[in-house]
Protein backbone atom coordinates (compact mmCIF):
# COMPACT_ATOMS: atom_id res chain seq x y z
CA UNK A 1 16.07 -13.97 -24.76
CA UNK A 2 18.67 -16.63 -24.41
CA UNK A 3 20.53 -15.52 -21.40
CA UNK A 4 19.70 -12.78 -19.14
CA UNK A 5 21.76 -9.55 -19.22
CA UNK A 6 23.67 -8.36 -16.23
CA UNK A 7 22.28 -5.83 -13.86
CA UNK A 8 22.71 -2.16 -14.78
CA UNK A 9 26.34 -1.13 -14.15
CA UNK A 10 26.88 1.46 -11.19
CA UNK A 11 27.49 4.37 -13.53
CA UNK A 12 23.93 3.65 -15.16
CA UNK A 13 22.31 3.43 -11.82
CA UNK A 14 23.89 6.69 -10.40
CA UNK A 15 23.08 8.45 -13.65
CA UNK A 16 19.51 7.28 -14.23
CA UNK A 17 18.00 5.53 -11.36
CA UNK A 18 19.36 7.41 -8.20
CA UNK A 19 17.89 10.78 -8.85
CA UNK A 20 14.61 9.05 -9.79
CA UNK A 21 14.59 7.13 -6.61
CA UNK A 22 15.28 10.30 -4.51
CA UNK A 23 12.19 11.88 -6.32
CA UNK A 24 9.91 8.97 -5.60
CA UNK A 25 10.93 8.73 -1.80
CA UNK A 26 11.46 12.36 -0.90
CA UNK A 27 9.29 14.38 -3.15
CA UNK A 28 6.34 11.94 -3.99
CA UNK A 29 6.74 10.08 -0.61
CA UNK A 30 6.04 6.56 -2.29
CA UNK A 31 6.24 3.82 -0.01
CA UNK A 32 9.59 1.63 0.11
CA UNK A 33 7.46 -1.19 -1.31
CA UNK A 34 6.48 0.85 -4.44
CA UNK A 35 10.12 2.33 -4.76
CA UNK A 36 11.44 -1.35 -4.60
CA UNK A 37 8.92 -2.37 -7.42
CA UNK A 38 10.03 0.44 -9.60
CA UNK A 39 13.61 -0.38 -9.19
CA UNK A 40 12.91 -4.02 -10.36
CA UNK A 41 11.16 -2.51 -13.31
CA UNK A 42 13.99 -0.45 -14.20
CA UNK A 43 16.62 -3.16 -13.77
CA UNK A 44 14.30 -5.79 -15.65
CA UNK A 45 14.00 -2.97 -18.57
CA UNK A 46 17.63 -2.44 -18.76
CA UNK A 47 18.45 -6.11 -18.81
CA UNK A 48 16.10 -6.33 -21.89
CA UNK A 49 17.69 -3.30 -23.59
CA UNK A 50 21.10 -4.56 -22.97
CA UNK A 51 20.47 -8.08 -24.18
CA UNK A 52 22.52 -8.54 -27.31
CA UNK A 53 19.61 -10.15 -29.08
CA UNK A 54 17.72 -6.92 -28.57
CA UNK A 55 20.44 -4.51 -28.94
CA UNK A 56 18.79 -1.27 -28.01
CA UNK A 57 20.68 -0.09 -25.07
CA UNK A 58 23.51 1.46 -27.24
CA UNK A 59 20.99 3.58 -28.99
CA UNK A 60 19.94 5.50 -25.80
CA UNK A 61 16.50 6.06 -24.33
CA UNK A 62 15.50 8.94 -26.73
CA UNK A 63 15.62 6.28 -29.65
CA UNK A 64 12.97 4.23 -28.34
CA UNK A 65 9.46 4.41 -29.55
CA UNK A 66 6.03 2.76 -29.18
CA UNK A 67 7.16 -0.09 -31.42
CA UNK A 68 10.10 -1.04 -28.97
CA UNK A 69 7.81 -0.68 -26.13
CA UNK A 70 5.22 -3.01 -27.57
CA UNK A 71 7.94 -5.63 -28.16
CA UNK A 72 8.98 -5.39 -24.55
CA UNK A 73 5.43 -5.88 -23.38
CA UNK A 74 5.06 -8.96 -25.65
CA UNK A 75 8.29 -10.47 -24.06
CA UNK A 76 7.46 -9.35 -20.61
CA UNK A 77 4.14 -11.35 -20.48
CA UNK A 78 6.26 -14.58 -20.74
CA UNK A 79 7.90 -13.65 -17.36
CA UNK A 80 5.19 -11.80 -15.46
CA UNK A 81 1.47 -11.95 -14.79
CA UNK A 82 -0.65 -9.07 -16.06
CA UNK A 83 -0.68 -7.21 -12.81
CA UNK A 84 2.81 -7.37 -12.34
CA UNK A 85 3.39 -6.21 -15.86
CA UNK A 86 1.00 -3.26 -15.42
CA UNK A 87 2.97 -2.24 -12.17
CA UNK A 88 6.12 -2.39 -13.82
CA UNK A 89 4.95 -0.30 -16.90
CA UNK A 90 3.49 2.26 -14.35
CA UNK A 91 7.04 2.62 -12.98
CA UNK A 92 8.51 2.92 -16.47
CA UNK A 93 6.01 5.46 -17.38
CA UNK A 94 6.76 7.68 -14.48
CA UNK A 95 10.48 7.19 -15.00
CA UNK A 96 10.39 8.56 -18.53
CA UNK A 97 8.01 11.39 -17.36
CA UNK A 98 10.40 12.51 -14.76
CA UNK A 99 13.43 12.66 -17.10
CA UNK A 100 11.04 14.33 -19.82
CA UNK A 101 10.32 17.03 -17.33
CA UNK A 102 13.97 17.62 -16.42
CA UNK A 103 14.90 18.13 -20.08
CA UNK A 104 17.04 14.98 -20.35
CA UNK A 105 14.73 13.07 -22.82
CA UNK A 106 12.73 14.35 -25.53
CA UNK A 107 9.72 11.95 -25.53
CA UNK A 108 8.10 9.31 -23.40
CA UNK A 109 7.95 6.07 -25.78
CA UNK A 110 5.11 4.55 -23.39
CA UNK A 111 2.40 7.08 -24.57
CA UNK A 112 -0.27 5.06 -26.18
CA UNK A 113 1.27 1.70 -25.77
CA UNK A 114 -1.62 -0.81 -24.89
CA UNK A 115 -1.23 -3.25 -22.29
CA UNK A 116 -3.25 -6.73 -21.78
CA UNK A 117 -6.39 -6.22 -19.79
CA UNK A 118 -6.44 -6.90 -16.22
CA UNK A 119 -8.97 -9.41 -14.73
CA UNK A 120 -11.35 -7.77 -12.28
CA UNK A 121 -10.71 -8.76 -8.73
CA UNK A 122 -12.79 -7.61 -5.93
CA UNK A 123 -10.68 -6.58 -2.64
CA UNK A 124 -10.71 -9.04 -0.01
CA UNK A 125 -12.07 -7.93 3.24
CA UNK A 126 -13.15 -9.20 6.68
CA UNK A 127 -16.65 -9.44 7.91
CA UNK A 128 -17.57 -7.34 11.05
CA UNK A 129 -17.39 -10.59 13.12
CA UNK A 130 -14.03 -11.61 11.94
CA UNK A 131 -12.79 -8.02 12.51
CA UNK A 132 -13.95 -8.25 16.12
CA UNK A 133 -12.12 -11.65 16.63
CA UNK A 134 -8.90 -10.27 15.13
CA UNK A 135 -8.85 -7.17 17.22
CA UNK A 136 -9.44 -8.93 20.56
CA UNK A 137 -6.37 -11.18 19.87
CA UNK A 138 -3.89 -9.17 21.98
CA UNK A 139 -6.14 -8.95 24.91
CA UNK A 140 -6.64 -12.75 24.90
CA UNK A 141 -2.68 -13.42 24.71
CA UNK A 142 -2.38 -10.93 27.51
CA UNK A 143 -4.78 -12.66 29.69
CA UNK A 144 -3.02 -16.10 28.76
CA UNK A 145 0.29 -14.66 29.67
CA UNK A 146 1.60 -15.25 26.18
CA UNK A 147 2.78 -11.47 25.76
CA UNK A 148 3.55 -8.68 27.88
CA UNK A 149 1.40 -5.62 28.48
CA UNK A 150 3.51 -3.42 26.22
CA UNK A 151 3.31 -5.70 23.21
CA UNK A 152 -0.46 -6.42 23.76
CA UNK A 153 -1.45 -2.68 23.85
CA UNK A 154 0.94 -1.74 21.15
CA UNK A 155 -0.37 -4.62 18.70
CA UNK A 156 -3.81 -3.73 19.47
CA UNK A 157 -3.24 -0.07 18.69
CA UNK A 158 -1.75 -1.10 15.39
CA UNK A 159 -4.93 -2.93 14.27
CA UNK A 160 -7.32 -0.28 15.58
CA UNK A 161 -5.56 2.30 13.74
CA UNK A 162 -5.57 0.20 10.62
CA UNK A 163 -9.18 -0.43 10.88
CA UNK A 164 -10.51 2.48 12.76
CA UNK A 165 -8.79 5.06 10.73
CA UNK A 166 -8.44 3.26 7.31
CA UNK A 167 -4.71 4.03 7.26
CA UNK A 168 -2.17 2.47 4.73
CA UNK A 169 0.39 0.74 6.55
CA UNK A 170 3.07 2.99 5.49
CA UNK A 171 0.97 5.86 6.83
CA UNK A 172 0.61 3.95 10.09
CA UNK A 173 4.36 3.41 10.83
CA UNK A 174 5.07 7.08 9.82
CA UNK A 175 2.59 8.42 12.33
CA UNK A 176 3.93 10.62 15.17
CA UNK A 177 2.31 11.86 18.32
CA UNK A 178 2.02 15.43 16.96
CA UNK A 179 -0.27 14.24 14.11
CA UNK A 180 -3.07 12.97 16.66
CA UNK A 181 -5.28 15.57 18.35
CA UNK A 182 -6.70 13.57 21.26
CA UNK A 183 -9.45 16.06 21.73
CA UNK A 184 -11.13 15.75 18.25
CA UNK A 185 -10.03 12.06 17.73
CA UNK A 186 -8.74 13.07 14.36
CA UNK A 187 -5.09 12.15 12.82
CA UNK A 188 -3.58 14.31 10.28
CA UNK A 189 -1.98 11.85 7.53
CA UNK A 190 0.33 12.45 4.65
CA UNK A 191 -0.37 9.86 2.18
CA UNK A 192 0.45 9.21 -1.51
CA UNK A 193 1.66 11.92 -3.55
CA UNK A 194 2.25 13.98 -0.30
CA UNK A 195 -1.54 14.48 -0.01
CA UNK A 196 -2.66 15.40 3.52
CA UNK A 197 -6.06 14.21 4.97
CA UNK A 198 -7.62 14.11 8.20
CA UNK A 199 -8.64 10.78 9.54
CA UNK A 200 -11.02 10.22 12.24
CA UNK A 201 -9.94 7.15 14.21
CA UNK A 202 -13.10 6.29 16.13
CA UNK A 203 -13.59 6.19 19.88
CA UNK A 204 -12.25 2.80 20.58
CA UNK A 205 -8.95 3.50 18.66
CA UNK A 206 -8.67 6.80 20.39
CA UNK A 207 -8.94 5.18 23.82
CA UNK A 208 -6.38 2.59 22.97
CA UNK A 209 -3.94 5.23 21.76
CA UNK A 210 -4.37 7.26 24.98
CA UNK A 211 -3.73 4.12 27.06
CA UNK A 212 -0.58 3.15 25.12
CA UNK A 213 0.73 6.82 24.94
CA UNK A 214 0.21 7.32 28.78
CA UNK A 215 1.44 3.86 30.08
CA UNK A 216 3.90 2.58 27.41
CA UNK A 217 5.20 5.17 24.95
CA UNK A 218 8.82 6.17 25.65
CA UNK A 219 8.16 9.75 24.48
CA UNK A 220 5.01 11.84 23.97
CA UNK A 221 6.97 14.52 22.03
CA UNK A 222 5.13 15.78 18.86
CA UNK A 223 8.01 14.29 16.76
CA UNK A 224 8.25 11.11 18.57
CA UNK A 225 6.75 7.91 16.80
CA UNK A 226 3.34 6.68 17.91
CA UNK A 227 4.23 3.00 17.40
CA UNK A 228 7.41 1.72 18.89
CA UNK A 229 9.19 -1.53 19.87
CA UNK A 230 10.17 -1.92 23.58
CA UNK A 231 13.55 -0.34 22.85
CA UNK A 232 11.93 2.80 21.62
CA UNK A 233 12.42 2.49 17.95
CA UNK A 234 9.82 3.03 15.35
CA UNK A 235 7.85 0.05 14.23
CA UNK A 236 8.43 -1.04 10.43
CA UNK A 237 6.17 -2.16 7.94
CA UNK A 238 7.49 -5.61 7.93
CA UNK A 239 6.87 -5.73 11.70
CA UNK A 240 3.36 -4.82 11.21
CA UNK A 241 3.07 -7.54 8.52
CA UNK A 242 4.38 -10.31 10.76
CA UNK A 243 2.47 -9.34 14.00
CA UNK A 244 -0.81 -9.29 11.91
CA UNK A 245 -0.14 -12.89 10.78
CA UNK A 246 0.07 -13.84 14.54
CA UNK A 247 -3.40 -12.60 15.25
CA UNK A 248 -4.85 -13.97 11.99
CA UNK A 249 -3.66 -17.33 13.05
CA UNK A 250 -5.15 -16.85 16.57
CA UNK A 251 -8.70 -15.93 15.02
CA UNK A 252 -8.54 -18.68 12.36
CA UNK A 253 -8.27 -16.48 9.61
CA UNK A 254 -6.47 -16.81 6.39
CA UNK A 255 -2.74 -15.72 6.79
CA UNK A 256 -2.52 -14.16 3.33
CA UNK A 257 -4.53 -11.28 4.36
CA UNK A 258 -2.37 -8.28 4.52
CA UNK A 259 -2.59 -4.90 6.74
CA UNK A 260 -4.14 -3.29 3.66
CA UNK A 261 -7.20 -5.71 4.07
CA UNK A 262 -8.05 -3.99 7.15
CA UNK A 263 -8.09 -0.73 5.15
CA UNK A 264 -10.37 -2.62 2.69
CA UNK A 265 -12.68 -3.80 5.55
CA UNK A 266 -12.80 -0.24 6.90
CA UNK A 267 -14.12 0.94 3.52
CA UNK A 268 -16.46 -1.74 2.98
CA UNK A 269 -18.17 -1.59 6.40
CA UNK A 270 -18.58 2.25 6.03
CA UNK A 271 -20.34 1.80 2.67
CA UNK A 272 -22.58 -1.18 4.07
CA UNK A 273 -23.58 1.13 6.93
CA UNK A 274 -24.74 3.82 4.43
CA UNK A 275 -21.72 6.16 4.28
CA UNK A 276 -21.48 8.24 1.26
CA UNK A 277 -19.13 7.19 -1.40
CA UNK A 278 -17.54 10.75 -1.84
CA UNK A 279 -17.05 10.79 1.93
CA UNK A 280 -15.39 7.41 1.96
CA UNK A 281 -13.22 8.70 -0.88
CA UNK A 282 -12.03 11.51 1.15
CA UNK A 283 -11.39 9.34 4.27
CA UNK A 284 -9.16 6.93 2.19
CA UNK A 285 -7.25 9.64 0.56
CA UNK A 286 -8.08 8.39 -3.03
CA UNK A 287 -7.31 10.86 -5.88
CA UNK A 288 -9.94 9.34 -8.17
CA UNK A 289 -13.49 8.36 -7.45
CA UNK A 290 -13.18 5.14 -9.47
CA UNK A 291 -10.67 3.86 -6.96
CA UNK A 292 -13.18 4.05 -4.29
CA UNK A 293 -16.05 2.60 -6.37
CA UNK A 294 -14.61 -0.86 -6.31
CA UNK A 295 -15.93 -0.99 -2.80
CA UNK A 296 -19.43 -0.51 -4.01
CA UNK A 297 -19.22 -3.62 -5.83
CA UNK A 298 -18.20 -5.47 -2.76
CA UNK A 299 -21.20 -4.04 -1.01
CA UNK A 300 -23.43 -4.96 -3.79
CA UNK A 301 -21.94 -8.58 -4.01
CA UNK A 302 -22.83 -8.94 -0.02
CA UNK A 303 -26.33 -7.57 -0.78
CA UNK A 304 -26.84 -9.99 -3.68
CA UNK A 305 -25.78 -12.87 -1.49
CA UNK A 306 -28.09 -11.94 1.24
CA UNK A 307 -30.89 -11.54 -1.37
CA UNK A 308 -30.17 -14.88 -2.77
CA UNK A 309 -30.37 -16.44 0.68
CA UNK A 310 -33.30 -14.78 2.18
CA UNK A 311 -35.62 -13.99 -0.75
CA UNK A 312 -38.19 -16.45 -1.77
CA UNK A 313 -37.31 -16.13 -5.40
CA UNK A 314 -33.60 -15.40 -4.61
């Protein structure tokens, strides 16, 4: 492509993107991060179709077939790595399926279109000792006078819920008091695809929750957010990401570890301790067992490393 085509005009966004965005956010309850990525996929796809050297936009979506989609994949590989390309195509497949079901399109041109294989990457996770160092960070800062009591207990609660309950960061910030049963220590969480699950939080996380709720929470109403800023506003995903970096630095851990890595650590530590794979799948809210099975590879890699180090013939 010689020169990038402009962004979709407002009338195209209103007609094709906005209803799809409402569906993703309100019906499917996708995270803002996923919605943003799908929008970028839509914008990128429109630019390609509208480029004069391609000349496909004037023909309309229904004129597109597998051949045109393969051409797009070939061209997009020059600009994106394979994982980004897979994410973009996932958004576009969902986009076409959405309009197909609503009768505006007659076919999904992405059916049967192959994508380049992804390299297998095991999820990063913290060891149990690294996790302990991370979780004690707020208390250490409080003792040193570096932060106030509100932030110390709030920050600790953030990390205890991510690790103790295996929550996604989007599920964490959306958590309200009414979703947590202090008696049983279980949180009712609405995850991807509006799937609801019960998450045991663990004794430590529950104790930290009670402390923050009783001493610092501006409201205990069932509809009030569990995690707030001092002004009473709900904590955002971005704020969670930034506060985690502070404690990663304090613990001497890599700063590229995200809140999701605490979820990875949660799953890996459960399996290392002998938890059943199906149970871990249910706790994580995975629709497919294959998604959970990646953690068995992590656990096996750990066992192999121990064997190589400890066995005489390792």
